[in-house]
Protein backbone atom coordinates (compact mmCIF):
# COMPACT_ATOMS: atom_id res chain seq x y z
CA MET A 1 -2.85 -11.97 20.25
CA SER A 2 -4.56 -8.58 20.39
CA GLU A 3 -7.51 -8.63 22.78
CA GLN A 4 -9.43 -6.04 20.73
CA THR A 5 -9.06 -7.76 17.37
CA LYS A 6 -8.39 -11.42 18.26
CA VAL A 7 -5.68 -11.34 15.57
CA GLN A 8 -2.14 -12.69 15.95
CA PRO A 9 0.71 -10.33 14.98
CA SER A 10 2.00 -11.04 11.47
CA PHE A 11 5.28 -9.12 11.44
CA ARG A 12 7.48 -6.80 13.48
CA VAL A 13 8.77 -3.43 12.30
CA HIS A 14 11.29 -0.88 13.42
CA TYR A 15 9.67 2.54 13.01
CA GLU A 16 10.64 6.20 13.18
CA LYS A 17 8.05 8.93 13.63
CA LEU A 18 7.97 11.62 10.97
CA ASP A 19 7.07 15.29 11.39
CA SER A 20 3.33 14.71 11.82
CA PRO A 21 0.75 16.06 14.29
CA VAL A 22 -0.51 12.50 14.88
CA ARG A 23 0.68 11.02 18.18
CA LEU A 24 1.91 7.41 18.23
CA MET A 25 -0.61 6.05 20.72
CA GLN A 26 -1.29 2.36 21.30
CA GLU A 27 -4.82 3.01 20.01
CA LEU A 28 -3.52 4.40 16.67
CA ARG A 29 -5.55 2.92 13.83
CA SER A 30 -3.41 3.98 10.90
CA ASP A 31 -3.17 2.14 7.62
CA VAL A 32 0.03 0.95 5.92
CA LYS A 33 1.44 2.08 2.58
CA PHE A 34 4.41 0.01 1.38
CA ASP A 35 7.12 1.67 -0.70
CA ASP A 36 6.45 -1.04 -3.33
CA ASP A 37 2.98 0.53 -3.71
CA ALA A 38 4.27 4.06 -4.33
CA LEU A 39 2.85 4.13 -7.87
CA ASN A 40 -0.60 2.74 -7.02
CA ASN A 41 -3.45 3.44 -4.61
CA PHE A 42 -3.02 0.35 -2.42
CA VAL A 43 -3.29 1.06 1.29
CA TRP A 44 -3.47 -1.86 3.71
CA MET A 45 -5.56 -2.15 6.87
CA ILE A 46 -2.73 -3.18 9.19
CA TRP A 47 -2.56 -1.75 12.70
CA PRO A 48 0.56 -1.29 14.81
CA LYS A 49 0.84 -2.51 18.38
CA PHE A 50 3.76 -0.54 19.80
CA GLU A 51 6.31 -2.20 22.05
CA CYS A 52 8.45 -0.83 24.86
CA GLU A 53 10.72 -3.88 24.60
CA ILE A 54 10.66 -6.85 22.24
CA ASP A 55 7.53 -8.90 23.01
CA SER A 56 6.30 -6.33 25.54
CA PRO A 57 3.50 -4.03 24.31
CA ILE A 58 3.02 -0.59 25.85
CA GLU A 59 -0.22 0.01 27.70
CA GLU A 60 -3.30 1.61 26.16
CA GLY A 61 -3.29 5.39 26.56
CA ILE A 62 0.52 5.61 26.57
CA GLU A 63 2.38 7.41 23.80
CA ALA A 64 5.00 5.31 22.01
CA ALA A 65 8.60 6.47 21.69
CA PRO A 66 9.43 8.36 18.47
CA VAL A 67 11.71 5.45 17.47
CA GLY A 68 11.02 1.85 18.38
CA THR A 69 9.38 -1.43 17.41
CA ALA A 70 5.82 -2.55 16.85
CA VAL A 71 4.14 -5.79 15.93
CA MET A 72 1.65 -5.47 13.11
CA LEU A 73 -1.92 -6.82 13.05
CA ILE A 74 -3.46 -7.65 9.66
CA LEU A 75 -7.18 -7.17 10.16
CA ASN A 76 -8.50 -8.53 6.87
CA GLN A 77 -8.27 -12.33 6.94
CA ASN A 78 -9.67 -12.85 3.42
CA PRO A 79 -7.37 -15.40 1.67
CA ASP A 80 -7.12 -13.34 -1.56
CA TYR A 81 -6.24 -10.19 0.39
CA ARG A 82 -3.63 -12.09 2.41
CA ALA A 83 -2.11 -13.64 -0.73
CA MET A 84 -1.73 -10.23 -2.39
CA LEU A 85 -0.30 -8.72 0.80
CA ARG A 86 2.09 -11.64 1.33
CA THR A 87 4.04 -10.59 -1.81
CA ARG A 88 5.02 -7.41 0.07
CA LEU A 89 5.94 -8.99 3.41
CA LYS A 90 9.70 -9.46 3.30
CA ILE A 91 12.36 -8.65 5.86
CA GLY A 92 13.80 -5.30 4.83
CA ALA A 93 10.61 -4.11 3.10
CA THR A 94 9.79 -0.49 3.93
CA GLY A 95 6.71 1.66 4.11
CA TYR A 96 4.72 4.11 6.21
CA PHE A 97 2.00 4.27 8.82
CA VAL A 98 -0.48 6.60 7.10
CA GLY A 99 -3.67 8.45 7.93
CA GLY A 100 -5.27 9.33 4.60
CA SER A 101 -2.45 10.86 2.56
CA MET A 102 -0.47 11.90 5.67
CA LYS A 103 2.65 9.88 6.44
CA ILE A 104 2.94 9.39 10.21
CA ALA A 105 5.98 7.12 10.59
CA LYS A 106 8.45 5.29 8.36
CA PHE A 107 9.02 1.58 9.05
CA GLU A 108 11.12 -1.40 8.00
CA ILE A 109 10.06 -5.02 8.46
CA THR A 110 12.54 -6.75 10.78
CA GLU A 111 10.80 -10.07 11.46
CA LEU A 112 7.96 -12.20 10.11
CA LEU A 113 5.75 -13.77 12.77
CA GLY A 114 3.11 -16.50 13.03
CA ASP A 115 1.51 -17.61 9.76
CA GLU A 116 3.65 -15.19 7.74
CA ALA A 117 6.87 -16.76 9.05
CA LYS A 118 5.51 -20.24 8.25
CA ALA A 119 4.51 -19.14 4.72
CA LYS A 120 8.07 -18.15 3.77
């Protein structure tokens, strides 16, 4: 559980940083744009929590490696929002960490966690 948000991680991703001036810091509050949403304006409020090893988050203030894993925190707990998002949460699904229209890192979902794993 994230101490700042009190939200359990919903899925794990493998990410790779793109050529972006944004640093991958533990405090990064990017949004997520799934490849399935390429033709629409949907952007999801899902924050990464970068890991140095599986199940081991890096400390605040530390820059994440350019390639690695992160667990993802879905901030909006509204049931309708979660139901719409759940259609996108599949192992192998891809997307980006984004800041506005800037793509920061590419990711692929590698594992569903918590309620999302139970829902499948």
